[in-house]
Amino acid sequence: MADINRDDDIIEVASPPRYAMGERVISRTVIRNDGTYNGKDIGEVLVNKGEIGFVTSIGTFLQQFYIYAVEFVESGHRVGMRGKELCTLDHLPEEVLAQLGERARQLQDLR
């Protein structure tokens, strides 16, 4: 099914990448196999929402979008994801860390 909220007019590669190599990120969405992941059925869940991974490489798609290869520790899958599908764990704003309270310290222990 086509992405209803298309953002074809956005040129991400005109700006620096949102995430850096080795940065800890968390998946904002469930990622299913679209047929490009060998050994898994189309539609099979590769990454669950909230799963933590590390950016292992940064590429581009259609000279428009950054694609971040993310190694997810729990599942062992390495998946290409768009920046909007991820959230950093290493560079959270101070106000977010304050709201997290004790959980912020737990995030630091996940290294």
N, C-alpha and C. Protein backbone atom coordinates (compact mmCIF):
# COMPACT_ATOMS: atom_id res chain seq x y z
N MET A 1 0.85 -1.17 0.00
CA MET A 1 0.00 0.00 0.00
C MET A 1 0.90 1.24 0.00
N ALA A 2 0.50 2.24 -0.73
CA ALA A 2 1.29 3.47 -0.83
C ALA A 2 1.23 4.27 0.46
N ASP A 3 2.32 4.96 0.74
CA ASP A 3 2.40 5.82 1.91
C ASP A 3 1.49 7.03 1.70
N ILE A 4 0.47 7.18 2.52
CA ILE A 4 -0.51 8.26 2.37
C ILE A 4 0.12 9.61 2.67
N ASN A 5 0.98 9.68 3.68
CA ASN A 5 1.64 10.93 4.05
C ASN A 5 2.97 11.05 3.33
N ARG A 6 2.94 11.17 2.04
CA ARG A 6 4.17 11.26 1.26
C ARG A 6 4.84 12.60 1.51
N ASP A 7 6.15 12.58 1.54
CA ASP A 7 6.91 13.80 1.74
C ASP A 7 7.93 13.95 0.61
N ASP A 8 7.45 13.75 -0.61
CA ASP A 8 8.32 13.78 -1.79
C ASP A 8 8.97 15.13 -2.01
N ASP A 9 8.39 16.20 -1.48
CA ASP A 9 8.95 17.51 -1.72
C ASP A 9 10.08 17.86 -0.75
N ILE A 10 10.32 17.02 0.23
CA ILE A 10 11.39 17.24 1.21
C ILE A 10 12.69 16.64 0.69
N ILE A 11 13.75 17.42 0.70
CA ILE A 11 15.08 16.95 0.29
C ILE A 11 15.94 16.89 1.55
N GLU A 12 15.94 15.74 2.22
CA GLU A 12 16.69 15.59 3.46
C GLU A 12 18.19 15.78 3.26
N VAL A 13 18.70 15.31 2.12
CA VAL A 13 20.15 15.32 1.92
C VAL A 13 20.71 16.72 1.72
N ALA A 14 19.85 17.74 1.67
CA ALA A 14 20.32 19.12 1.61
C ALA A 14 20.85 19.57 2.97
N SER A 15 20.53 18.82 4.02
CA SER A 15 20.99 19.09 5.39
C SER A 15 21.85 17.92 5.86
N PRO A 16 22.63 18.12 6.92
CA PRO A 16 23.42 17.01 7.46
C PRO A 16 22.51 15.89 7.98
N PRO A 17 23.01 14.67 8.07
CA PRO A 17 22.22 13.57 8.62
C PRO A 17 21.75 13.89 10.05
N ARG A 18 20.60 13.40 10.39
CA ARG A 18 20.02 13.61 11.72
C ARG A 18 20.76 12.80 12.78
N TYR A 19 21.26 11.63 12.40
CA TYR A 19 21.93 10.72 13.34
C TYR A 19 23.35 10.46 12.87
N ALA A 20 24.21 10.06 13.80
CA ALA A 20 25.62 9.81 13.49
C ALA A 20 25.93 8.32 13.62
N MET A 21 27.03 7.93 13.02
CA MET A 21 27.48 6.54 13.14
C MET A 21 27.70 6.20 14.60
N GLY A 22 27.22 5.04 15.02
CA GLY A 22 27.39 4.57 16.39
C GLY A 22 26.36 5.13 17.36
N GLU A 23 25.51 6.03 16.91
CA GLU A 23 24.53 6.63 17.81
C GLU A 23 23.45 5.61 18.20
N ARG A 24 23.07 5.64 19.47
CA ARG A 24 21.99 4.78 19.94
C ARG A 24 20.66 5.40 19.55
N VAL A 25 19.80 4.59 18.96
CA VAL A 25 18.49 5.06 18.54
C VAL A 25 17.43 4.06 18.98
N ILE A 26 16.19 4.51 18.97
CA ILE A 26 15.08 3.65 19.30
C ILE A 26 14.05 3.74 18.18
N SER A 27 13.45 2.62 17.84
CA SER A 27 12.47 2.60 16.77
C SER A 27 11.15 3.21 17.23
N ARG A 28 10.64 4.14 16.44
CA ARG A 28 9.36 4.79 16.75
C ARG A 28 8.18 4.00 16.18
N THR A 29 8.47 3.01 15.32
CA THR A 29 7.41 2.25 14.66
C THR A 29 7.80 0.78 14.56
N VAL A 30 6.83 -0.03 14.24
CA VAL A 30 7.07 -1.43 13.91
C VAL A 30 7.53 -1.46 12.45
N ILE A 31 8.59 -2.20 12.18
CA ILE A 31 9.11 -2.32 10.82
C ILE A 31 8.89 -3.76 10.35
N ARG A 32 8.21 -3.88 9.22
CA ARG A 32 7.95 -5.19 8.63
C ARG A 32 8.77 -5.36 7.35
N ASN A 33 9.02 -6.60 7.00
CA ASN A 33 9.78 -6.89 5.79
C ASN A 33 8.96 -6.50 4.56
N ASP A 34 9.54 -5.63 3.74
CA ASP A 34 8.88 -5.22 2.50
C ASP A 34 9.34 -6.07 1.32
N GLY A 35 10.07 -7.12 1.62
CA GLY A 35 10.57 -8.01 0.58
C GLY A 35 12.05 -7.86 0.34
N THR A 36 12.68 -6.88 0.98
CA THR A 36 14.11 -6.64 0.77
C THR A 36 14.99 -7.32 1.82
N TYR A 37 14.40 -7.92 2.83
CA TYR A 37 15.17 -8.60 3.88
C TYR A 37 15.13 -10.10 3.60
N ASN A 38 16.28 -10.66 3.23
CA ASN A 38 16.35 -12.09 2.88
C ASN A 38 16.11 -12.98 4.10
N GLY A 39 15.42 -14.08 3.86
CA GLY A 39 15.21 -15.08 4.89
C GLY A 39 13.98 -14.84 5.75
N LYS A 40 13.25 -13.78 5.49
CA LYS A 40 12.03 -13.49 6.24
C LYS A 40 10.89 -13.29 5.24
N ASP A 41 9.69 -13.66 5.63
CA ASP A 41 8.53 -13.50 4.77
C ASP A 41 8.14 -12.03 4.66
N ILE A 42 7.54 -11.68 3.54
CA ILE A 42 7.02 -10.32 3.37
C ILE A 42 5.95 -10.09 4.43
N GLY A 43 6.04 -8.97 5.12
CA GLY A 43 5.09 -8.64 6.18
C GLY A 43 5.52 -9.08 7.56
N GLU A 44 6.56 -9.90 7.64
CA GLU A 44 7.04 -10.37 8.94
C GLU A 44 7.71 -9.22 9.70
N VAL A 45 7.44 -9.15 11.00
CA VAL A 45 8.01 -8.08 11.82
C VAL A 45 9.52 -8.28 11.97
N LEU A 46 10.27 -7.22 11.64
CA LEU A 46 11.72 -7.23 11.80
C LEU A 46 12.14 -6.47 13.05
N VAL A 47 11.44 -5.36 13.34
CA VAL A 47 11.78 -4.50 14.46
C VAL A 47 10.49 -4.08 15.14
N ASN A 48 10.45 -4.19 16.45
CA ASN A 48 9.28 -3.74 17.21
C ASN A 48 9.45 -2.30 17.65
N LYS A 49 8.35 -1.62 17.81
CA LYS A 49 8.38 -0.26 18.34
C LYS A 49 9.06 -0.28 19.70
N GLY A 50 10.00 0.64 19.92
CA GLY A 50 10.71 0.70 21.18
C GLY A 50 11.98 -0.12 21.23
N GLU A 51 12.31 -0.82 20.17
CA GLU A 51 13.53 -1.62 20.14
C GLU A 51 14.74 -0.69 19.95
N ILE A 52 15.82 -0.99 20.66
CA ILE A 52 17.01 -0.14 20.66
C ILE A 52 18.07 -0.71 19.74
N GLY A 53 18.71 0.19 18.98
CA GLY A 53 19.76 -0.22 18.08
C GLY A 53 20.83 0.85 17.95
N PHE A 54 21.81 0.58 17.09
CA PHE A 54 22.92 1.48 16.84
C PHE A 54 23.03 1.74 15.34
N VAL A 55 23.26 2.98 14.96
CA VAL A 55 23.44 3.32 13.55
C VAL A 55 24.79 2.77 13.10
N THR A 56 24.77 1.93 12.06
CA THR A 56 26.01 1.31 11.58
C THR A 56 26.48 1.90 10.25
N SER A 57 25.59 2.52 9.49
CA SER A 57 26.00 3.23 8.28
C SER A 57 24.88 4.18 7.86
N ILE A 58 25.27 5.13 7.01
CA ILE A 58 24.31 6.13 6.54
C ILE A 58 24.43 6.20 5.02
N GLY A 59 23.30 5.98 4.34
CA GLY A 59 23.27 6.07 2.89
C GLY A 59 22.16 7.01 2.46
N THR A 60 21.90 7.04 1.18
CA THR A 60 20.82 7.87 0.66
C THR A 60 19.93 7.04 -0.24
N PHE A 61 18.74 7.54 -0.47
CA PHE A 61 17.77 6.89 -1.36
C PHE A 61 17.19 7.96 -2.26
N LEU A 62 17.23 7.73 -3.56
CA LEU A 62 16.69 8.64 -4.57
C LEU A 62 17.30 10.04 -4.49
N GLN A 63 18.51 10.14 -3.99
CA GLN A 63 19.19 11.43 -3.82
C GLN A 63 18.32 12.42 -3.06
N GLN A 64 17.50 11.90 -2.17
CA GLN A 64 16.54 12.73 -1.45
C GLN A 64 16.51 12.45 0.05
N PHE A 65 16.56 11.18 0.42
CA PHE A 65 16.39 10.80 1.82
C PHE A 65 17.64 10.12 2.34
N TYR A 66 17.93 10.31 3.63
CA TYR A 66 18.95 9.51 4.31
C TYR A 66 18.31 8.20 4.72
N ILE A 67 19.07 7.13 4.55
CA ILE A 67 18.67 5.82 5.05
C ILE A 67 19.73 5.40 6.05
N TYR A 68 19.30 5.11 7.26
CA TYR A 68 20.19 4.73 8.35
C TYR A 68 20.13 3.21 8.52
N ALA A 69 21.28 2.55 8.35
CA ALA A 69 21.35 1.12 8.64
C ALA A 69 21.50 1.02 10.16
N VAL A 70 20.55 0.33 10.78
CA VAL A 70 20.52 0.23 12.24
C VAL A 70 20.60 -1.24 12.63
N GLU A 71 21.55 -1.54 13.49
CA GLU A 71 21.72 -2.89 14.04
C GLU A 71 20.94 -2.94 15.35
N PHE A 72 19.89 -3.76 15.37
CA PHE A 72 19.07 -3.89 16.57
C PHE A 72 19.57 -5.06 17.39
N VAL A 73 19.96 -4.76 18.62
CA VAL A 73 20.62 -5.72 19.48
C VAL A 73 19.70 -6.89 19.84
N GLU A 74 18.48 -6.58 20.23
CA GLU A 74 17.56 -7.61 20.70
C GLU A 74 17.22 -8.63 19.62
N SER A 75 16.86 -8.17 18.44
CA SER A 75 16.45 -9.08 17.37
C SER A 75 17.62 -9.54 16.51
N GLY A 76 18.73 -8.77 16.53
CA GLY A 76 19.87 -9.11 15.70
C GLY A 76 19.71 -8.69 14.25
N HIS A 77 18.65 -7.98 13.93
CA HIS A 77 18.42 -7.56 12.56
C HIS A 77 19.13 -6.24 12.26
N ARG A 78 19.64 -6.12 11.06
CA ARG A 78 20.19 -4.85 10.56
C ARG A 78 19.22 -4.38 9.49
N VAL A 79 18.60 -3.23 9.75
CA VAL A 79 17.50 -2.75 8.92
C VAL A 79 17.77 -1.32 8.48
N GLY A 80 17.42 -0.99 7.25
CA GLY A 80 17.51 0.38 6.75
C GLY A 80 16.24 1.13 7.13
N MET A 81 16.41 2.30 7.76
CA MET A 81 15.27 3.07 8.24
C MET A 81 15.41 4.54 7.90
N ARG A 82 14.29 5.20 7.76
CA ARG A 82 14.27 6.65 7.58
C ARG A 82 14.43 7.32 8.93
N GLY A 83 14.92 8.56 8.91
CA GLY A 83 15.11 9.31 10.15
C GLY A 83 13.85 9.48 10.95
N LYS A 84 12.70 9.67 10.28
CA LYS A 84 11.44 9.87 10.98
C LYS A 84 10.95 8.62 11.69
N GLU A 85 11.55 7.47 11.41
CA GLU A 85 11.18 6.22 12.06
C GLU A 85 12.00 5.96 13.32
N LEU A 86 12.96 6.87 13.61
CA LEU A 86 13.89 6.70 14.71
C LEU A 86 13.85 7.88 15.66
N CYS A 87 14.38 7.65 16.86
CA CYS A 87 14.58 8.72 17.84
C CYS A 87 15.91 8.44 18.54
N THR A 88 16.70 9.49 18.76
CA THR A 88 17.99 9.32 19.42
C THR A 88 17.81 8.98 20.90
N LEU A 89 18.77 8.26 21.42
CA LEU A 89 18.84 8.03 22.86
C LEU A 89 20.08 8.70 23.44
N ASP A 90 20.98 9.12 22.57
CA ASP A 90 22.24 9.72 23.02
C ASP A 90 22.20 11.23 23.16
N HIS A 91 21.29 11.88 22.47
CA HIS A 91 21.27 13.34 22.45
C HIS A 91 19.89 13.90 22.78
N LEU A 92 19.31 13.38 23.85
CA LEU A 92 17.99 13.87 24.25
C LEU A 92 18.13 15.25 24.88
N PRO A 93 17.19 16.15 24.58
CA PRO A 93 17.23 17.49 25.19
C PRO A 93 17.10 17.40 26.72
N GLU A 94 17.68 18.39 27.40
CA GLU A 94 17.66 18.41 28.87
C GLU A 94 16.25 18.33 29.44
N GLU A 95 15.28 19.01 28.80
CA GLU A 95 13.91 18.99 29.31
C GLU A 95 13.29 17.59 29.22
N VAL A 96 13.69 16.83 28.20
CA VAL A 96 13.20 15.45 28.09
C VAL A 96 13.83 14.59 29.17
N LEU A 97 15.13 14.75 29.38
CA LEU A 97 15.81 13.99 30.43
C LEU A 97 15.22 14.29 31.80
N ALA A 98 14.87 15.55 32.04
CA ALA A 98 14.26 15.94 33.32
C ALA A 98 12.91 15.25 33.49
N GLN A 99 12.14 15.16 32.43
CA GLN A 99 10.84 14.51 32.51
C GLN A 99 10.97 13.01 32.73
N LEU A 100 12.04 12.42 32.19
CA LEU A 100 12.26 10.99 32.35
C LEU A 100 12.70 10.63 33.77
N GLY A 101 13.34 11.57 34.46
CA GLY A 101 13.78 11.33 35.83
C GLY A 101 14.69 10.13 35.94
N GLU A 102 14.32 9.16 36.76
CA GLU A 102 15.11 7.96 37.01
C GLU A 102 15.31 7.13 35.74
N ARG A 103 14.35 7.16 34.84
CA ARG A 103 14.48 6.39 33.60
C ARG A 103 15.64 6.90 32.75
N ALA A 104 15.98 8.17 32.87
CA ALA A 104 17.11 8.73 32.11
C ALA A 104 18.41 8.05 32.53
N ARG A 105 18.57 7.79 33.81
CA ARG A 105 19.77 7.10 34.28
C ARG A 105 19.79 5.66 33.74
N GLN A 106 18.64 5.02 33.69
CA GLN A 106 18.55 3.66 33.15
C GLN A 106 18.96 3.64 31.67
N LEU A 107 18.59 4.68 30.93
CA LEU A 107 19.01 4.77 29.53
C LEU A 107 20.52 4.85 29.40
N GLN A 108 21.16 5.57 30.29
CA GLN A 108 22.61 5.69 30.25
C GLN A 108 23.28 4.35 30.51
N ASP A 109 22.64 3.50 31.33
CA ASP A 109 23.19 2.19 31.65
C ASP A 109 23.08 1.21 30.48
N LEU A 110 22.29 1.53 29.46
CA LEU A 110 22.08 0.62 28.32
C LEU A 110 23.20 0.64 27.32
N ARG A 111 24.25 1.34 27.55
CA ARG A 111 25.35 1.43 26.58
C ARG A 111 26.01 0.12 26.35
